[in-house]
Protein backbone atom coordinates (compact mmCIF):
# COMPACT_ATOMS: atom_id res chain seq x y z
CA MET A 1 48.50 -29.53 -27.59
CA PRO A 2 47.05 -28.24 -30.62
CA ASP A 3 43.41 -27.22 -30.51
CA VAL A 4 42.82 -28.39 -33.86
CA GLU A 5 44.24 -31.64 -35.59
CA LEU A 6 44.67 -32.33 -39.29
CA THR A 7 45.29 -35.63 -40.89
CA VAL A 8 45.17 -36.40 -44.68
CA ASP A 9 44.73 -40.31 -45.74
CA GLY A 10 43.93 -41.32 -49.22
CA GLY A 11 42.66 -38.11 -50.58
CA VAL A 12 40.43 -37.37 -47.50
CA ALA A 13 41.44 -34.66 -44.98
CA THR A 14 40.29 -34.63 -41.57
CA LEU A 15 39.98 -31.78 -39.41
CA GLU A 16 39.12 -32.47 -35.72
CA LEU A 17 38.22 -29.74 -33.20
CA ALA A 18 40.34 -30.99 -30.25
CA ARG A 19 39.24 -29.36 -26.79
CA PRO A 20 36.96 -32.23 -25.47
CA GLU A 21 37.38 -30.67 -21.94
CA ARG A 22 35.24 -27.42 -23.30
CA ARG A 23 33.22 -29.74 -25.66
CA ASN A 24 35.19 -28.36 -28.54
CA ALA A 25 34.28 -24.53 -28.07
CA LEU A 26 36.01 -22.14 -30.09
CA SER A 27 38.64 -20.09 -28.30
CA ARG A 28 40.31 -17.31 -30.24
CA ALA A 29 43.16 -19.43 -30.47
CA ALA A 30 41.41 -22.49 -31.79
CA GLY A 31 39.42 -20.20 -34.42
CA HIS A 32 42.96 -19.07 -35.62
CA GLU A 33 44.27 -22.75 -35.76
CA LEU A 34 40.98 -23.52 -37.66
CA ILE A 35 41.51 -21.01 -40.40
CA HIS A 36 45.25 -21.90 -40.90
CA ALA A 37 44.24 -25.61 -41.09
CA LEU A 38 41.50 -24.91 -43.66
CA ASP A 39 44.17 -22.87 -45.82
CA ARG A 40 46.59 -25.98 -45.70
CA VAL A 41 43.76 -28.26 -46.92
CA ALA A 42 42.66 -25.65 -49.60
CA GLN A 43 46.20 -25.67 -50.95
CA ASP A 44 46.66 -29.47 -50.71
CA ASP A 45 46.33 -31.01 -54.14
CA SER A 46 46.12 -34.53 -52.64
CA ALA A 47 43.12 -33.60 -50.49
CA ARG A 48 40.04 -34.27 -52.55
CA VAL A 49 37.44 -33.89 -49.67
CA LEU A 50 37.43 -32.68 -46.35
CA ILE A 51 35.60 -34.07 -43.01
CA LEU A 52 35.07 -31.47 -40.14
CA THR A 53 34.39 -33.18 -36.74
CA GLY A 54 35.08 -32.85 -33.06
CA THR A 55 36.78 -35.03 -30.47
CA GLY A 56 35.37 -36.47 -27.31
CA GLY A 57 31.55 -36.94 -28.21
CA SER A 58 30.70 -33.34 -29.23
CA PHE A 59 30.90 -31.60 -32.66
CA CYS A 60 31.36 -27.77 -31.14
CA ALA A 61 29.48 -25.91 -28.38
CA GLY A 62 30.09 -22.78 -29.77
CA ALA A 63 32.53 -19.88 -28.78
CA ASP A 64 34.05 -20.34 -25.54
CA LEU A 65 32.52 -17.64 -23.46
CA THR A 66 35.18 -18.05 -20.62
CA ASP A 67 37.65 -16.79 -23.39
CA LEU A 68 35.93 -13.61 -24.39
CA ASP A 69 36.13 -10.30 -22.92
CA PRO A 70 32.85 -8.46 -23.52
CA ASP A 71 34.57 -4.98 -24.01
CA ARG A 72 36.53 -6.61 -26.93
CA LEU A 73 33.90 -8.71 -28.59
CA GLY A 74 34.28 -6.81 -31.66
CA ASP A 75 37.98 -7.83 -32.17
CA ALA A 76 36.81 -11.65 -31.22
CA MET A 77 34.02 -11.50 -34.16
CA ALA A 78 36.48 -10.18 -36.37
CA GLY A 79 38.59 -13.19 -36.01
CA PHE A 80 35.62 -15.60 -35.86
CA ASN A 81 34.01 -14.15 -39.06
CA ARG A 82 37.08 -15.09 -40.94
CA ILE A 83 36.20 -18.96 -40.44
CA ILE A 84 32.78 -19.24 -42.29
CA PRO A 85 34.23 -17.50 -45.76
CA ALA A 86 37.42 -19.82 -45.57
CA LEU A 87 35.24 -22.94 -45.15
CA ARG A 88 32.60 -21.91 -47.65
CA GLY A 89 35.36 -21.15 -50.06
CA MET A 90 37.10 -24.33 -49.74
CA PRO A 91 37.47 -26.11 -53.16
CA GLN A 92 36.88 -29.62 -51.76
CA PRO A 93 33.45 -30.59 -50.79
CA VAL A 94 33.16 -30.39 -47.04
CA ILE A 95 31.29 -32.80 -44.96
CA ALA A 96 30.18 -32.15 -41.06
CA LYS A 97 30.56 -35.18 -39.16
CA VAL A 98 28.29 -34.41 -36.11
CA ARG A 99 28.04 -36.32 -32.89
CA GLY A 100 26.76 -34.60 -29.59
CA SER A 101 26.22 -30.75 -29.32
CA ALA A 102 26.54 -28.34 -32.47
CA VAL A 103 25.54 -25.37 -30.68
CA GLY A 104 25.65 -21.49 -31.40
CA ALA A 105 28.60 -20.73 -33.47
CA GLY A 106 29.08 -24.82 -33.66
CA CYS A 107 25.74 -25.05 -35.28
CA SER A 108 26.46 -22.26 -37.72
CA LEU A 109 29.93 -23.82 -38.17
CA ALA A 110 28.50 -27.49 -39.10
CA LEU A 111 25.65 -25.76 -41.34
CA ALA A 112 28.21 -23.97 -43.22
CA CYS A 113 29.50 -27.24 -44.70
CA ASP A 114 28.50 -28.64 -47.95
CA PHE A 115 26.95 -31.79 -46.16
CA VAL A 116 26.08 -32.45 -42.66
CA LEU A 117 25.70 -36.14 -41.54
CA ALA A 118 24.63 -36.47 -37.75
CA ASP A 119 24.05 -39.52 -35.73
CA ASP A 120 21.18 -39.84 -32.98
CA THR A 121 23.02 -38.26 -30.17
CA ALA A 122 23.44 -34.95 -32.38
CA ARG A 123 21.85 -31.71 -31.04
CA PHE A 124 21.73 -28.66 -33.15
CA CYS A 125 20.80 -25.32 -31.50
CA GLN A 126 20.87 -21.70 -32.11
CA ILE A 127 21.26 -21.11 -28.45
CA PHE A 128 21.83 -17.18 -28.72
CA PRO A 129 18.44 -16.20 -27.40
CA ARG A 130 19.21 -17.93 -24.10
CA LEU A 131 22.28 -15.90 -23.67
CA GLY A 132 21.10 -12.38 -24.71
CA LEU A 133 22.87 -12.56 -27.81
CA SER A 134 21.86 -12.89 -31.67
CA THR A 135 22.73 -15.51 -34.29
CA ASP A 136 26.55 -15.16 -35.64
CA LEU A 137 28.94 -16.87 -37.96
CA GLY A 138 26.69 -16.64 -40.84
CA GLY A 139 23.48 -18.23 -39.32
CA SER A 140 21.25 -15.50 -40.50
CA PHE A 141 22.58 -16.14 -43.92
CA ILE A 142 22.43 -19.99 -43.94
CA LEU A 143 19.37 -20.94 -41.86
CA PRO A 144 16.86 -19.18 -44.38
CA ARG A 145 18.53 -20.85 -47.46
CA LEU A 146 18.29 -24.33 -45.70
CA VAL A 147 15.00 -24.38 -44.30
CA GLY A 148 13.10 -21.16 -45.37
CA MET A 149 12.39 -18.12 -43.46
CA ARG A 150 9.54 -18.89 -41.11
CA ARG A 151 11.37 -22.21 -39.84
CA ALA A 152 14.68 -20.05 -39.58
CA ARG A 153 12.83 -17.48 -37.34
CA GLU A 154 11.75 -20.29 -35.07
CA LEU A 155 15.18 -21.90 -34.70
CA ALA A 156 17.00 -18.38 -34.38
CA LEU A 157 14.29 -16.71 -32.03
CA LEU A 158 13.40 -19.37 -29.77
CA GLY A 159 16.98 -21.29 -29.51
CA ASP A 160 15.12 -24.77 -29.05
CA ASP A 161 17.05 -27.99 -29.41
CA VAL A 162 16.84 -30.09 -32.56
CA ASP A 163 17.93 -33.44 -32.45
CA GLY A 164 19.36 -35.20 -35.35
CA ARG A 165 16.38 -36.93 -36.72
CA THR A 166 14.33 -33.78 -36.58
CA ALA A 167 17.16 -31.81 -38.33
CA ALA A 168 17.25 -34.06 -41.24
CA THR A 169 13.42 -34.43 -41.49
CA ILE A 170 13.22 -30.40 -41.74
CA GLY A 171 16.17 -30.09 -44.11
CA LEU A 172 18.81 -28.55 -41.77
CA ILE A 173 21.11 -31.55 -42.33
CA MET A 174 21.39 -34.13 -45.08
CA ARG A 175 21.04 -37.31 -42.92
CA CYS A 176 20.91 -38.75 -39.36
CA VAL A 177 21.99 -42.34 -38.74
CA PRO A 178 22.70 -44.46 -35.74
CA ALA A 179 25.58 -43.78 -33.80
CA ASP A 180 27.40 -47.04 -34.61
CA GLU A 181 26.74 -46.22 -38.54
CA LEU A 182 28.03 -42.61 -38.75
CA ASP A 183 31.74 -43.43 -39.34
CA ALA A 184 30.83 -45.82 -42.22
CA ALA A 185 28.20 -43.29 -43.65
CA VAL A 186 30.81 -40.51 -43.59
CA LYS A 187 33.56 -42.57 -45.07
CA ASP A 188 31.31 -43.78 -47.76
CA LEU A 189 30.11 -40.33 -48.75
CA ALA A 190 33.78 -39.01 -48.40
CA MET A 191 34.89 -41.98 -50.96
CA ARG A 192 32.19 -41.04 -53.40
CA LEU A 193 33.17 -37.31 -53.53
CA ALA A 194 36.67 -37.90 -53.68
CA GLY A 195 36.06 -40.03 -56.95
CA PHE A 196 34.88 -36.93 -58.90
CA SER A 197 36.98 -34.41 -60.78
CA PRO A 198 38.47 -32.06 -58.22
CA SER A 199 38.43 -28.84 -60.58
CA ALA A 200 34.66 -29.51 -61.46
CA GLN A 201 33.49 -30.09 -58.16
CA ALA A 202 35.25 -26.57 -56.87
CA ARG A 203 33.36 -24.85 -59.92
CA THR A 204 30.15 -26.35 -59.01
CA LYS A 205 30.48 -25.04 -55.38
CA HIS A 206 31.22 -21.64 -56.54
CA LEU A 207 28.36 -21.70 -59.20
CA LEU A 208 26.01 -22.73 -56.17
CA ASP A 209 27.29 -20.14 -53.93
CA GLU A 210 26.98 -17.52 -56.68
CA THR A 211 23.18 -18.29 -57.25
CA TRP A 212 22.60 -15.69 -54.37
CA ASN A 213 24.45 -12.89 -56.01
CA GLY A 214 22.93 -12.65 -59.45
CA THR A 215 20.30 -13.29 -62.29
CA LEU A 216 19.76 -16.24 -64.23
CA THR A 217 21.53 -14.69 -67.01
CA ASP A 218 24.57 -14.35 -64.88
CA ALA A 219 24.22 -18.13 -63.71
CA LEU A 220 23.99 -19.23 -67.41
CA ALA A 221 27.16 -17.23 -68.31
CA ARG A 222 29.21 -18.71 -65.42
CA GLU A 223 28.07 -22.28 -66.06
CA ALA A 224 29.07 -21.87 -69.60
CA GLU A 225 32.63 -20.64 -68.64
CA ALA A 226 32.94 -23.72 -66.15
CA GLN A 227 32.07 -26.30 -68.58
CA ILE A 228 34.58 -24.99 -71.08
CA ALA A 229 37.28 -25.17 -68.34
CA ASN A 230 35.81 -28.70 -67.42
CA ALA A 231 36.31 -30.02 -70.86
CA SER A 232 40.14 -29.65 -70.63
CA THR A 233 40.22 -31.88 -67.28
CA PRO A 234 41.40 -35.26 -67.65
CA GLU A 235 38.44 -36.69 -65.88
CA PHE A 236 36.01 -35.29 -68.50
CA LYS A 237 38.39 -36.63 -71.13
CA GLN A 238 38.18 -40.16 -69.58
CA ALA A 239 34.49 -40.12 -69.17
CA LEU A 240 34.01 -38.81 -73.01
CA ASN A 241 36.14 -41.68 -74.21
CA HIS A 242 34.14 -44.25 -71.97
CA PHE A 243 30.73 -42.75 -73.41
CA ARG A 244 32.15 -43.06 -77.28
CA ALA A 245 33.37 -46.51 -76.60
CA ARG A 246 29.78 -47.88 -75.28
CA PRO A 247 27.69 -49.92 -77.73
CA GLU A 248 24.96 -47.74 -79.28
CA GLY A 249 21.85 -47.44 -77.31
CA ALA A 250 23.46 -48.39 -74.18
CA GLN A 251 22.19 -46.50 -70.96
CA GLN A 252 24.27 -44.29 -69.08
């Protein structure tokens, strides 16, 4: 059985971590499968949005420590560290659909997505202090940008559990909903995102990520280049024709 299952339906790709017996903890093999699946989705023009989730009531319990050799941890980290750039570099918007545990590397994996929707069973935890470890899989980069440095220090240095509702309140995730509403909430968001121009969405993602790597002048130049490219897309031409056909004075 594969450790990662990929389906594409109606423009929505879904990647499920499929190791429920280990609460979807990432083994080295599962990490390799995940990178390969992300690459397949990135190259699939029919996929306009990606949902990342886990089977069996958990999102991801982090790295599978039973699969790691402490004397070869560097090799394992080199493999795992390929996951987050692949995820952040996806041209499609990525939604993390979180039930149950999103712990350690699994927490970082969820937070690296563009949107995080969770239900009230969700538990986010930077568990590393309890294990004598430090944050990984991009946690040191992503956490301060989501919740600010002071809150990031609290989360990373104390390793406390954060439930879904608290995570939404502090800005760690987008939204927390009751368990029986999560599927519908994720589907609604996915369909909204799938209705936009794929190329424009990809450019916007890139522009937002590059904000951390340059000045305002750099950002303005990149935005101008992106808009020039967007002007040639069918989605923009359709929207422009619709705008021009409206009665004068009509609201957008």
